[in-house]
Amino acid sequence: MSLSSLSSLAQTCNHLRNILQPELDAALTPEVAREVLLSASRAGKVEAVAKLLAPPYYTNPNRYPRGWCTPLHAAAEGGHVAVVMLLLAAKADVTRTCYDEMQPWHLAVLNGHVTVARLFLDRGADPNMSYGEWARRSFCDAAHKGTIAMVETLLEYNADLEQRDVHGTPLGHAVDRRDLGMIAYLLGRGAEVDAEMPLYPGAMCGGTLAAPFDATPLYVVLALKHPNGDGEKRGMRARRAPEEGREEIMRLLLMYGADKGRAMATVKEYLTQLADAEGISEEALLEKVNGIFASVEQSK
C-alpha cells in the first residue's frame, strides 16, 4: 500500500472515530464505565484506564459492591505497575478487601509482583497482617512461593521472620516445599531454625488425629511415616516431607544450629507409633534414624 493510500485510510478512520465517539460516550453510563474500568485494569490497558479516570467520566475506582474485586485488586494481581499508579492517584482504596479478605497488596505478593507490592508498602501496607479465614500471611505466602526478591522486600519493611499462619513460619513453608535456596536465605537472615511446624496444617489437634501434632523442621525433613489414626479417612493426612533432598536440607539446618536432640526426642516419645507406621521394629526405626543422621554428618 502506498504512502498516500495509508494517509487516506488514516484520515477515514479518524473521521469515523469522530462520528462514532459521541455515540460511544453516550452509551458509556457510569455502570458500564465501571465494568470497562475493571476489565481494562485486569488487562493492563493503561490508556483506557487513564481515560476512564479522567474527565468527563471520572469513574470512581472504589464504587464496587463490598467483597467484590476492584480495579486495584485486578491491576495488583496482574502486576500492572502503571495501572496501579493511576488508580492510586485516583484515590483507589488500598485497604478494600475482596474474596477471602484479600487487599490488593496481598494479591501482588501472592503473585510475585515485587514492584507493585513495594508501591503498597510505601503507602503503609502491613507486612505482618493476617487475612482470610485461615489467617494467612503475605510473608508466608512469599516464602511458600519461593520468591526471594519478595521476601527480601518484605523484610526491608520490617516483616517478622517468625510470623505464623496455619502452616507455620516462613521457614516452615520453605522446608515444606524443600526449597533449599529459600531455606538458606531465611536462615541467613536469622530465622529460628527450630521453630515448630504443625504436622496437620489447618486441623484442630487432638480427637482422632494421631500425635505428634507438631515438630521441628529437622524432624519433618527426616520424612518418617506418620501414625495417622483415622485422619487419612477424613482427608487430614499428616505433613510428611519427601525423602528427595533430605540430607542436603538436614545438613543446612544442622549448620545453622538445629537441635538434633529435639528431633530425636520426638522420635523417642512416639517410637512405638512411628515404628508401627513404618512397619518395622522400634530398634530398626532407631537404627534407620541414626543412620540418616550419620550419613548427613559424614558428608559435612
C-alpha atoms as a PDB file:
ATOM      1  CA  MET A   1       0.000   0.000   0.000  1.00  0.00           C
ATOM      2  CA  SER A   2       1.371   3.401  -0.975  1.00  0.00           C
ATOM      3  CA  LEU A   3       2.034   6.200   1.499  1.00  0.00           C
ATOM      4  CA  SER A   4      -0.821   8.269   0.062  1.00  0.00           C
ATOM      5  CA  SER A   5      -3.209   5.316   0.465  1.00  0.00           C
ATOM      6  CA  LEU A   6      -2.143   4.859   4.084  1.00  0.00           C
ATOM      7  CA  SER A   7      -2.672   8.557   4.745  1.00  0.00           C
ATOM      8  CA  SER A   8      -6.131   8.386   3.197  1.00  0.00           C
ATOM      9  CA  LEU A   9      -7.017   5.341   5.310  1.00  0.00           C
ATOM     10  CA  ALA A  10      -5.866   7.097   8.476  1.00  0.00           C
ATOM     11  CA  GLN A  11      -7.997  10.136   7.662  1.00  0.00           C
ATOM     12  CA  THR A  12     -11.006   7.907   7.043  1.00  0.00           C
ATOM     13  CA  CYS A  13     -10.532   6.090  10.362  1.00  0.00           C
ATOM     14  CA  ASN A  14     -10.177   9.391  12.205  1.00  0.00           C
ATOM     15  CA  HIS A  15     -13.328  10.708  10.549  1.00  0.00           C
ATOM     16  CA  LEU A  16     -15.270   7.592  11.551  1.00  0.00           C
ATOM     17  CA  ARG A  17     -13.996   7.889  15.115  1.00  0.00           C
ATOM     18  CA  ASN A  18     -15.187  11.498  15.278  1.00  0.00           C
ATOM     19  CA  ILE A  19     -18.605  10.395  14.064  1.00  0.00           C
ATOM     20  CA  LEU A  20     -18.942   7.410  16.390  1.00  0.00           C
ATOM     21  CA  GLN A  21     -17.268   8.811  19.517  1.00  0.00           C
ATOM     22  CA  PRO A  22     -20.270  10.874  20.711  1.00  0.00           C
ATOM     23  CA  GLU A  23     -22.492   7.793  20.463  1.00  0.00           C
ATOM     24  CA  LEU A  24     -19.943   5.690  22.330  1.00  0.00           C
ATOM     25  CA  ASP A  25     -19.632   8.353  25.025  1.00  0.00           C
ATOM     26  CA  ALA A  26     -23.402   8.488  25.398  1.00  0.00           C
ATOM     27  CA  ALA A  27     -23.557   4.711  25.781  1.00  0.00           C
ATOM     28  CA  LEU A  28     -20.877   4.747  28.461  1.00  0.00           C
ATOM     29  CA  THR A  29     -23.105   5.032  31.511  1.00  0.00           C
ATOM     30  CA  PRO A  30     -21.470   5.060  34.971  1.00  0.00           C
ATOM     31  CA  GLU A  31     -22.354   1.376  35.371  1.00  0.00           C
ATOM     32  CA  VAL A  32     -20.795   0.444  32.033  1.00  0.00           C
ATOM     33  CA  ALA A  33     -17.771   2.642  32.755  1.00  0.00           C
ATOM     34  CA  ARG A  34     -17.128   0.757  35.987  1.00  0.00           C
ATOM     35  CA  GLU A  35     -17.306  -2.583  34.176  1.00  0.00           C
ATOM     36  CA  VAL A  36     -14.921  -1.347  31.496  1.00  0.00           C
ATOM     37  CA  LEU A  37     -12.547   0.102  34.115  1.00  0.00           C
ATOM     38  CA  LEU A  38     -12.383  -3.238  35.913  1.00  0.00           C
ATOM     39  CA  SER A  39     -11.746  -5.107  32.669  1.00  0.00           C
ATOM     40  CA  ALA A  40      -9.130  -2.606  31.469  1.00  0.00           C
ATOM     41  CA  SER A  41      -7.334  -2.717  34.825  1.00  0.00           C
ATOM     42  CA  ARG A  42      -7.195  -6.506  34.721  1.00  0.00           C
ATOM     43  CA  ALA A  43      -5.771  -6.407  31.181  1.00  0.00           C
ATOM     44  CA  GLY A  44      -3.256  -3.650  31.966  1.00  0.00           C
ATOM     45  CA  LYS A  45      -4.748  -1.209  29.433  1.00  0.00           C
ATOM     46  CA  VAL A  46      -3.096   1.991  30.634  1.00  0.00           C
ATOM     47  CA  GLU A  47      -4.672   4.404  28.136  1.00  0.00           C
ATOM     48  CA  ALA A  48      -8.184   3.078  28.708  1.00  0.00           C
ATOM     49  CA  VAL A  49      -7.804   3.279  32.486  1.00  0.00           C
ATOM     50  CA  ALA A  50      -6.398   6.805  32.298  1.00  0.00           C
ATOM     51  CA  LYS A  51      -9.299   7.924  30.091  1.00  0.00           C
ATOM     52  CA  LEU A  52     -11.964   6.420  32.338  1.00  0.00           C
ATOM     53  CA  LEU A  53     -10.486   8.016  35.451  1.00  0.00           C
ATOM     54  CA  ALA A  54     -10.211  11.452  33.821  1.00  0.00           C
ATOM     55  CA  PRO A  55     -12.946  13.948  32.844  1.00  0.00           C
ATOM     56  CA  PRO A  56     -15.599  13.745  31.598  1.00  0.00           C
ATOM     57  CA  TYR A  57     -16.010  10.224  33.022  1.00  0.00           C
ATOM     58  CA  TYR A  58     -14.417  10.471  36.478  1.00  0.00           C
ATOM     59  CA  THR A  59     -15.108   6.775  37.046  1.00  0.00           C
ATOM     60  CA  ASN A  60     -14.919   6.019  40.769  1.00  0.00           C
ATOM     61  CA  PRO A  61     -12.373   3.185  41.322  1.00  0.00           C
ATOM     62  CA  ASN A  62     -13.990   2.319  44.665  1.00  0.00           C
ATOM     63  CA  ARG A  63     -17.659   2.146  43.718  1.00  0.00           C
ATOM     64  CA  TYR A  64     -17.980  -1.621  43.565  1.00  0.00           C
ATOM     65  CA  PRO A  65     -20.021  -3.965  45.795  1.00  0.00           C
ATOM     66  CA  ARG A  66     -18.373  -4.899  49.079  1.00  0.00           C
ATOM     67  CA  GLY A  67     -16.439  -8.129  48.819  1.00  0.00           C
ATOM     68  CA  TRP A  68     -16.030  -7.772  45.056  1.00  0.00           C
ATOM     69  CA  CYS A  69     -12.766  -7.365  43.205  1.00  0.00           C
ATOM     70  CA  THR A  70     -11.993  -3.703  42.462  1.00  0.00           C
ATOM     71  CA  PRO A  71      -9.828  -2.346  39.625  1.00  0.00           C
ATOM     72  CA  LEU A  72      -6.958  -2.008  42.105  1.00  0.00           C
ATOM     73  CA  HIS A  73      -7.249  -5.698  43.028  1.00  0.00           C
ATOM     74  CA  ALA A  74      -7.276  -6.641  39.341  1.00  0.00           C
ATOM     75  CA  ALA A  75      -4.262  -4.490  38.457  1.00  0.00           C
ATOM     76  CA  ALA A  76      -2.282  -5.654  41.502  1.00  0.00           C
ATOM     77  CA  GLU A  77      -2.980  -9.303  40.725  1.00  0.00           C
ATOM     78  CA  GLY A  78      -1.749  -8.810  37.166  1.00  0.00           C
ATOM     79  CA  GLY A  79       1.330  -6.821  38.197  1.00  0.00           C
ATOM     80  CA  HIS A  80       0.358  -3.817  36.058  1.00  0.00           C
ATOM     81  CA  VAL A  81       2.529  -1.133  37.659  1.00  0.00           C
ATOM     82  CA  ALA A  82       1.382   1.834  35.551  1.00  0.00           C
ATOM     83  CA  VAL A  83      -2.285   0.979  36.059  1.00  0.00           C
ATOM     84  CA  VAL A  84      -1.799   0.589  39.812  1.00  0.00           C
ATOM     85  CA  MET A  85      -0.153   4.015  39.929  1.00  0.00           C
ATOM     86  CA  LEU A  86      -3.046   5.592  38.023  1.00  0.00           C
ATOM     87  CA  LEU A  87      -5.589   4.030  40.373  1.00  0.00           C
ATOM     88  CA  LEU A  88      -3.654   5.089  43.455  1.00  0.00           C
ATOM     89  CA  ALA A  89      -3.501   8.643  42.105  1.00  0.00           C
ATOM     90  CA  ALA A  90      -7.284   8.467  41.698  1.00  0.00           C
ATOM     91  CA  LYS A  91      -7.553   7.590  45.409  1.00  0.00           C
ATOM     92  CA  ALA A  92      -8.372   3.917  44.991  1.00  0.00           C
ATOM     93  CA  ASP A  93      -8.843   2.358  48.432  1.00  0.00           C
ATOM     94  CA  VAL A  94      -5.736   0.295  49.267  1.00  0.00           C
ATOM     95  CA  THR A  95      -7.454  -1.373  52.252  1.00  0.00           C
ATOM     96  CA  ARG A  96     -10.500  -2.595  50.336  1.00  0.00           C
ATOM     97  CA  THR A  97     -10.980  -6.364  50.607  1.00  0.00           C
ATOM     98  CA  CYS A  98     -12.366  -8.861  48.118  1.00  0.00           C
ATOM     99  CA  TYR A  99     -12.725 -12.636  48.415  1.00  0.00           C
ATOM    100  CA  ASP A 100     -11.044 -14.189  51.462  1.00  0.00           C
ATOM    101  CA  GLU A 101     -10.462 -10.696  52.895  1.00  0.00           C
ATOM    102  CA  MET A 102      -7.647 -10.043  50.436  1.00  0.00           C
ATOM    103  CA  GLN A 103      -6.434  -6.491  49.967  1.00  0.00           C
ATOM    104  CA  PRO A 104      -4.867  -5.534  46.618  1.00  0.00           C
ATOM    105  CA  TRP A 105      -1.387  -5.803  48.039  1.00  0.00           C
ATOM    106  CA  HIS A 106      -1.977  -9.386  49.199  1.00  0.00           C
ATOM    107  CA  LEU A 107      -2.625 -10.306  45.564  1.00  0.00           C
ATOM    108  CA  ALA A 108       0.558  -8.541  44.465  1.00  0.00           C
ATOM    109  CA  VAL A 109       2.624 -10.561  46.955  1.00  0.00           C
ATOM    110  CA  LEU A 110       0.849 -13.823  46.211  1.00  0.00           C
ATOM    111  CA  ASN A 111       1.609 -13.425  42.507  1.00  0.00           C
ATOM    112  CA  GLY A 112       5.215 -12.314  42.962  1.00  0.00           C
ATOM    113  CA  HIS A 113       4.880  -8.721  41.731  1.00  0.00           C
ATOM    114  CA  VAL A 114       7.632  -7.057  43.755  1.00  0.00           C
ATOM    115  CA  THR A 115       7.382  -3.549  42.272  1.00  0.00           C
ATOM    116  CA  VAL A 116       3.627  -3.419  42.825  1.00  0.00           C
ATOM    117  CA  ALA A 117       3.985  -4.748  46.371  1.00  0.00           C
ATOM    118  CA  ARG A 118       6.522  -2.027  47.092  1.00  0.00           C
ATOM    119  CA  LEU A 119       4.028   0.631  45.950  1.00  0.00           C
ATOM    120  CA  PHE A 120       1.603  -0.584  48.601  1.00  0.00           C
ATOM    121  CA  LEU A 121       4.278  -0.961  51.282  1.00  0.00           C
ATOM    122  CA  ASP A 122       5.313   2.637  50.638  1.00  0.00           C
ATOM    123  CA  ARG A 123       1.701   3.569  51.386  1.00  0.00           C
ATOM    124  CA  GLY A 124       1.628   1.770  54.701  1.00  0.00           C
ATOM    125  CA  ALA A 125       0.666  -1.828  53.898  1.00  0.00           C
ATOM    126  CA  ASP A 126       1.397  -4.016  56.944  1.00  0.00           C
ATOM    127  CA  PRO A 127       3.635  -6.991  56.023  1.00  0.00           C
ATOM    128  CA  ASN A 128       2.632  -8.746  59.257  1.00  0.00           C
ATOM    129  CA  MET A 129      -1.143  -8.532  58.940  1.00  0.00           C
ATOM    130  CA  SER A 130      -3.099 -11.770  58.582  1.00  0.00           C
ATOM    131  CA  TYR A 131      -6.014 -12.172  56.204  1.00  0.00           C
ATOM    132  CA  GLY A 132      -8.714 -14.663  55.342  1.00  0.00           C
ATOM    133  CA  GLU A 133     -10.480 -17.449  57.171  1.00  0.00           C
ATOM    134  CA  TRP A 134      -7.228 -19.354  57.712  1.00  0.00           C
ATOM    135  CA  ALA A 135      -5.241 -16.323  58.935  1.00  0.00           C
ATOM    136  CA  ARG A 136      -2.834 -16.390  56.023  1.00  0.00           C
ATOM    137  CA  ARG A 137       0.121 -14.015  55.948  1.00  0.00           C
ATOM    138  CA  SER A 138       1.787 -12.430  52.964  1.00  0.00           C
ATOM    139  CA  PHE A 139       5.325 -13.111  54.179  1.00  0.00           C
ATOM    140  CA  CYS A 140       4.476 -16.803  54.491  1.00  0.00           C
ATOM    141  CA  ASP A 141       2.909 -16.673  51.009  1.00  0.00           C
ATOM    142  CA  ALA A 142       6.129 -15.235  49.575  1.00  0.00           C
ATOM    143  CA  ALA A 143       8.272 -17.863  51.303  1.00  0.00           C
ATOM    144  CA  HIS A 144       5.979 -20.631  50.089  1.00  0.00           C
ATOM    145  CA  LYS A 145       6.193 -19.326  46.521  1.00  0.00           C
ATOM    146  CA  GLY A 146       9.982 -19.225  46.739  1.00  0.00           C
ATOM    147  CA  THR A 147      10.241 -15.569  45.711  1.00  0.00           C
ATOM    148  CA  ILE A 148      13.412 -14.390  47.432  1.00  0.00           C
ATOM    149  CA  ALA A 149      13.130 -10.871  45.977  1.00  0.00           C
ATOM    150  CA  MET A 150       9.674 -10.532  47.557  1.00  0.00           C
ATOM    151  CA  VAL A 151      10.841 -11.924  50.900  1.00  0.00           C
ATOM    152  CA  GLU A 152      13.782  -9.512  50.843  1.00  0.00           C
ATOM    153  CA  THR A 153      11.435  -6.604  50.119  1.00  0.00           C
ATOM    154  CA  LEU A 154       9.068  -7.540  52.956  1.00  0.00           C
ATOM    155  CA  LEU A 155      11.971  -7.791  55.395  1.00  0.00           C
ATOM    156  CA  GLU A 156      13.059  -4.337  54.279  1.00  0.00           C
ATOM    157  CA  TYR A 157       9.653  -3.133  55.506  1.00  0.00           C
ATOM    158  CA  ASN A 158      10.007  -4.884  58.881  1.00  0.00           C
ATOM    159  CA  ALA A 159       8.231  -8.168  58.221  1.00  0.00           C
ATOM    160  CA  ASP A 160       8.508 -10.531  61.197  1.00  0.00           C
ATOM    161  CA  LEU A 161      10.699 -13.536  60.356  1.00  0.00           C
ATOM    162  CA  GLU A 162       8.783 -15.631  62.900  1.00  0.00           C
ATOM    163  CA  GLN A 163       5.216 -14.708  61.959  1.00  0.00           C
ATOM    164  CA  ARG A 164       2.955 -17.743  61.675  1.00  0.00           C
ATOM    165  CA  ASP A 165      -0.022 -18.943  59.738  1.00  0.00           C
ATOM    166  CA  VAL A 166      -1.659 -22.364  59.914  1.00  0.00           C
ATOM    167  CA  HIS A 167       1.347 -23.869  58.097  1.00  0.00           C
ATOM    168  CA  GLY A 168       3.917 -22.403  60.483  1.00  0.00           C
ATOM    169  CA  THR A 169       6.655 -19.811  59.992  1.00  0.00           C
ATOM    170  CA  PRO A 170       8.113 -18.719  56.646  1.00  0.00           C
ATOM    171  CA  LEU A 171      10.967 -21.175  57.260  1.00  0.00           C
ATOM    172  CA  GLY A 172       8.396 -23.920  57.798  1.00  0.00           C
ATOM    173  CA  HIS A 173       6.873 -23.099  54.419  1.00  0.00           C
ATOM    174  CA  ALA A 174      10.278 -23.293  52.745  1.00  0.00           C
ATOM    175  CA  VAL A 175      11.039 -26.621  54.431  1.00  0.00           C
ATOM    176  CA  ASP A 176       7.640 -27.953  53.406  1.00  0.00           C
ATOM    177  CA  ARG A 177       8.468 -27.045  49.794  1.00  0.00           C
ATOM    178  CA  ARG A 178      12.032 -28.422  50.059  1.00  0.00           C
ATOM    179  CA  ASP A 179      13.202 -25.059  48.726  1.00  0.00           C
ATOM    180  CA  LEU A 180      16.889 -25.127  49.602  1.00  0.00           C
ATOM    181  CA  GLY A 181      17.532 -21.604  48.325  1.00  0.00           C
ATOM    182  CA  MET A 182      14.724 -20.094  50.407  1.00  0.00           C
ATOM    183  CA  ILE A 183      15.708 -22.144  53.468  1.00  0.00           C
ATOM    184  CA  ALA A 184      19.289 -20.881  53.196  1.00  0.00           C
ATOM    185  CA  TYR A 185      18.138 -17.291  52.684  1.00  0.00           C
ATOM    186  CA  LEU A 186      15.786 -17.274  55.684  1.00  0.00           C
ATOM    187  CA  LEU A 187      18.336 -18.934  57.953  1.00  0.00           C
ATOM    188  CA  GLY A 188      20.932 -16.433  56.795  1.00  0.00           C
ATOM    189  CA  ARG A 189      18.578 -13.623  57.796  1.00  0.00           C
ATOM    190  CA  GLY A 190      18.192 -15.095  61.273  1.00  0.00           C
ATOM    191  CA  ALA A 191      15.103 -17.319  61.114  1.00  0.00           C
ATOM    192  CA  GLU A 192      14.643 -19.618  64.129  1.00  0.00           C
ATOM    193  CA  VAL A 193      15.940 -22.961  62.904  1.00  0.00           C
ATOM    194  CA  ASP A 194      13.926 -24.997  65.427  1.00  0.00           C
ATOM    195  CA  ALA A 195      10.598 -23.145  65.114  1.00  0.00           C
ATOM    196  CA  GLU A 196       7.997 -25.894  65.293  1.00  0.00           C
ATOM    197  CA  MET A 197       5.892 -26.793  62.273  1.00  0.00           C
ATOM    198  CA  PRO A 198       2.305 -28.073  62.579  1.00  0.00           C
ATOM    199  CA  LEU A 199       2.065 -31.591  61.193  1.00  0.00           C
ATOM    200  CA  TYR A 200      -1.649 -31.208  60.444  1.00  0.00           C
ATOM    201  CA  PRO A 201      -1.830 -27.695  58.937  1.00  0.00           C
ATOM    202  CA  GLY A 202      -5.262 -26.166  59.480  1.00  0.00           C
ATOM    203  CA  ALA A 203      -6.551 -29.007  61.674  1.00  0.00           C
ATOM    204  CA  MET A 204      -7.614 -28.910  65.289  1.00  0.00           C
ATOM    205  CA  CYS A 205      -5.172 -31.121  67.182  1.00  0.00           C
ATOM    206  CA  GLY A 206      -6.469 -33.993  69.231  1.00  0.00           C
ATOM    207  CA  GLY A 207      -9.516 -36.149  68.707  1.00  0.00           C
ATOM    208  CA  THR A 208      -8.806 -38.956  66.287  1.00  0.00           C
ATOM    209  CA  LEU A 209      -5.722 -37.360  64.757  1.00  0.00           C
ATOM    210  CA  ALA A 210      -2.555 -39.165  65.757  1.00  0.00           C
ATOM    211  CA  ALA A 211       0.307 -37.442  67.577  1.00  0.00           C
ATOM    212  CA  PRO A 212       2.770 -35.879  67.173  1.00  0.00           C
ATOM    213  CA  PHE A 213       0.940 -32.734  66.155  1.00  0.00           C
ATOM    214  CA  ASP A 214       3.971 -30.504  65.636  1.00  0.00           C
ATOM    215  CA  ALA A 215       7.738 -30.864  65.391  1.00  0.00           C
ATOM    216  CA  THR A 216      10.909 -29.036  64.404  1.00  0.00           C
ATOM    217  CA  PRO A 217      11.921 -28.721  60.742  1.00  0.00           C
ATOM    218  CA  LEU A 218      14.745 -31.199  61.336  1.00  0.00           C
ATOM    219  CA  TYR A 219      12.243 -33.861  62.403  1.00  0.00           C
ATOM    220  CA  VAL A 220       9.948 -33.075  59.462  1.00  0.00           C
ATOM    221  CA  VAL A 221      12.806 -33.474  56.983  1.00  0.00           C
ATOM    222  CA  LEU A 222      13.520 -36.965  58.351  1.00  0.00           C
ATOM    223  CA  ALA A 223      10.429 -37.902  56.308  1.00  0.00           C
ATOM    224  CA  LEU A 224       9.208 -40.629  58.649  1.00  0.00           C
ATOM    225  CA  LYS A 225       5.797 -42.143  58.063  1.00  0.00           C
ATOM    226  CA  HIS A 226       3.267 -40.619  60.426  1.00  0.00           C
ATOM    227  CA  PRO A 227       0.848 -42.528  62.687  1.00  0.00           C
ATOM    228  CA  ASN A 228      -2.288 -41.241  61.010  1.00  0.00           C
ATOM    229  CA  GLY A 229      -5.126 -42.569  63.177  1.00  0.00           C
ATOM    230  CA  ASP A 230      -8.245 -42.138  61.087  1.00  0.00           C
ATOM    231  CA  GLY A 231      -7.017 -38.786  59.812  1.00  0.00           C
ATOM    232  CA  GLU A 232      -6.498 -40.208  56.331  1.00  0.00           C
ATOM    233  CA  LYS A 233     -10.178 -41.123  56.144  1.00  0.00           C
ATOM    234  CA  ARG A 234     -11.027 -37.511  56.943  1.00  0.00           C
ATOM    235  CA  GLY A 235      -8.595 -36.114  54.401  1.00  0.00           C
ATOM    236  CA  MET A 236      -6.291 -34.892  57.167  1.00  0.00           C
ATOM    237  CA  ARG A 237      -3.101 -36.682  56.231  1.00  0.00           C
ATOM    238  CA  ALA A 238      -0.165 -35.505  58.310  1.00  0.00           C
ATOM    239  CA  ARG A 239       2.546 -33.442  56.692  1.00  0.00           C
ATOM    240  CA  ARG A 240       5.473 -35.573  55.615  1.00  0.00           C
ATOM    241  CA  ALA A 241       8.402 -34.205  53.626  1.00  0.00           C
ATOM    242  CA  PRO A 242       9.547 -36.313  50.656  1.00  0.00           C
ATOM    243  CA  GLU A 243      12.910 -38.000  51.039  1.00  0.00           C
ATOM    244  CA  GLU A 244      14.292 -36.227  47.972  1.00  0.00           C
ATOM    245  CA  GLY A 245      16.912 -33.660  49.011  1.00  0.00           C
ATOM    246  CA  ARG A 246      16.614 -34.736  52.644  1.00  0.00           C
ATOM    247  CA  GLU A 247      20.298 -34.905  53.526  1.00  0.00           C
ATOM    248  CA  GLU A 248      21.155 -31.597  51.900  1.00  0.00           C
ATOM    249  CA  ILE A 249      18.402 -29.790  53.812  1.00  0.00           C
ATOM    250  CA  MET A 250      19.295 -31.535  57.078  1.00  0.00           C
ATOM    251  CA  ARG A 251      22.936 -30.561  56.604  1.00  0.00           C
ATOM    252  CA  LEU A 252      21.919 -26.930  56.148  1.00  0.00           C
ATOM    253  CA  LEU A 253      19.631 -26.952  59.194  1.00  0.00           C
ATOM    254  CA  LEU A 254      22.345 -28.509  61.361  1.00  0.00           C
ATOM    255  CA  MET A 255      24.887 -25.989  60.099  1.00  0.00           C
ATOM    256  CA  TYR A 256      22.619 -23.213  61.410  1.00  0.00           C
ATOM    257  CA  GLY A 257      22.307 -24.872  64.805  1.00  0.00           C
ATOM    258  CA  ALA A 258      19.274 -27.145  64.528  1.00  0.00           C
ATOM    259  CA  ASP A 259      18.902 -29.202  67.695  1.00  0.00           C
ATOM    260  CA  LYS A 260      19.279 -32.877  66.824  1.00  0.00           C
ATOM    261  CA  GLY A 261      18.222 -33.692  70.380  1.00  0.00           C
ATOM    262  CA  ARG A 262      14.766 -32.161  69.889  1.00  0.00           C
ATOM    263  CA  ALA A 263      14.175 -34.154  66.718  1.00  0.00           C
ATOM    264  CA  MET A 264      15.308 -37.343  68.428  1.00  0.00           C
ATOM    265  CA  ALA A 265      13.129 -36.566  71.458  1.00  0.00           C
ATOM    266  CA  THR A 266      10.083 -36.563  69.176  1.00  0.00           C
ATOM    267  CA  VAL A 267      11.172 -39.855  67.621  1.00  0.00           C
ATOM    268  CA  LYS A 268      11.662 -41.481  71.016  1.00  0.00           C
ATOM    269  CA  GLU A 269       8.434 -40.121  72.508  1.00  0.00           C
ATOM    270  CA  TYR A 270       6.377 -41.651  69.692  1.00  0.00           C
ATOM    271  CA  LEU A 271       8.712 -44.531  68.899  1.00  0.00           C
ATOM    272  CA  THR A 272       6.108 -47.298  69.097  1.00  0.00           C
ATOM    273  CA  GLN A 273       3.595 -45.488  66.887  1.00  0.00           C
ATOM    274  CA  LEU A 274       6.229 -44.408  64.358  1.00  0.00           C
ATOM    275  CA  ALA A 275       7.664 -47.917  64.134  1.00  0.00           C
ATOM    276  CA  ASP A 276       4.170 -49.309  63.534  1.00  0.00           C
ATOM    277  CA  ALA A 277       3.619 -46.743  60.767  1.00  0.00           C
ATOM    278  CA  GLU A 278       6.939 -47.710  59.149  1.00  0.00           C
ATOM    279  CA  GLY A 279       6.132 -51.402  59.543  1.00  0.00           C
ATOM    280  CA  ILE A 280       9.399 -52.141  61.342  1.00  0.00           C
ATOM    281  CA  SER A 281      10.532 -52.757  64.908  1.00  0.00           C
ATOM    282  CA  GLU A 282      11.371 -49.943  67.296  1.00  0.00           C
ATOM    283  CA  GLU A 283      15.036 -50.942  67.173  1.00  0.00           C
ATOM    284  CA  ALA A 284      15.005 -50.877  63.376  1.00  0.00           C
ATOM    285  CA  LEU A 285      13.402 -47.428  63.362  1.00  0.00           C
ATOM    286  CA  LEU A 286      16.042 -46.019  65.695  1.00  0.00           C
ATOM    287  CA  GLU A 287      18.721 -47.603  63.529  1.00  0.00           C
ATOM    288  CA  LYS A 288      17.177 -46.005  60.448  1.00  0.00           C
ATOM    289  CA  VAL A 289      17.061 -42.529  62.022  1.00  0.00           C
ATOM    290  CA  ASN A 290      20.579 -42.796  63.426  1.00  0.00           C
ATOM    291  CA  GLY A 291      21.751 -43.943  60.001  1.00  0.00           C
ATOM    292  CA  ILE A 292      20.238 -40.866  58.362  1.00  0.00           C
ATOM    293  CA  PHE A 293      21.984 -38.542  60.824  1.00  0.00           C
ATOM    294  CA  ALA A 294      25.262 -40.435  60.426  1.00  0.00           C
ATOM    295  CA  SER A 295      25.083 -40.076  56.654  1.00  0.00           C
ATOM    296  CA  VAL A 296      24.446 -36.343  56.960  1.00  0.00           C
ATOM    297  CA  GLU A 297      27.269 -35.812  59.438  1.00  0.00           C
ATOM    298  CA  GLN A 298      29.748 -37.805  57.333  1.00  0.00           C
ATOM    299  CA  SER A 299      29.009 -35.682  54.276  1.00  0.00           C
ATOM    300  CA  LYS A 300      29.647 -32.345  56.004  1.00  0.00           C
END
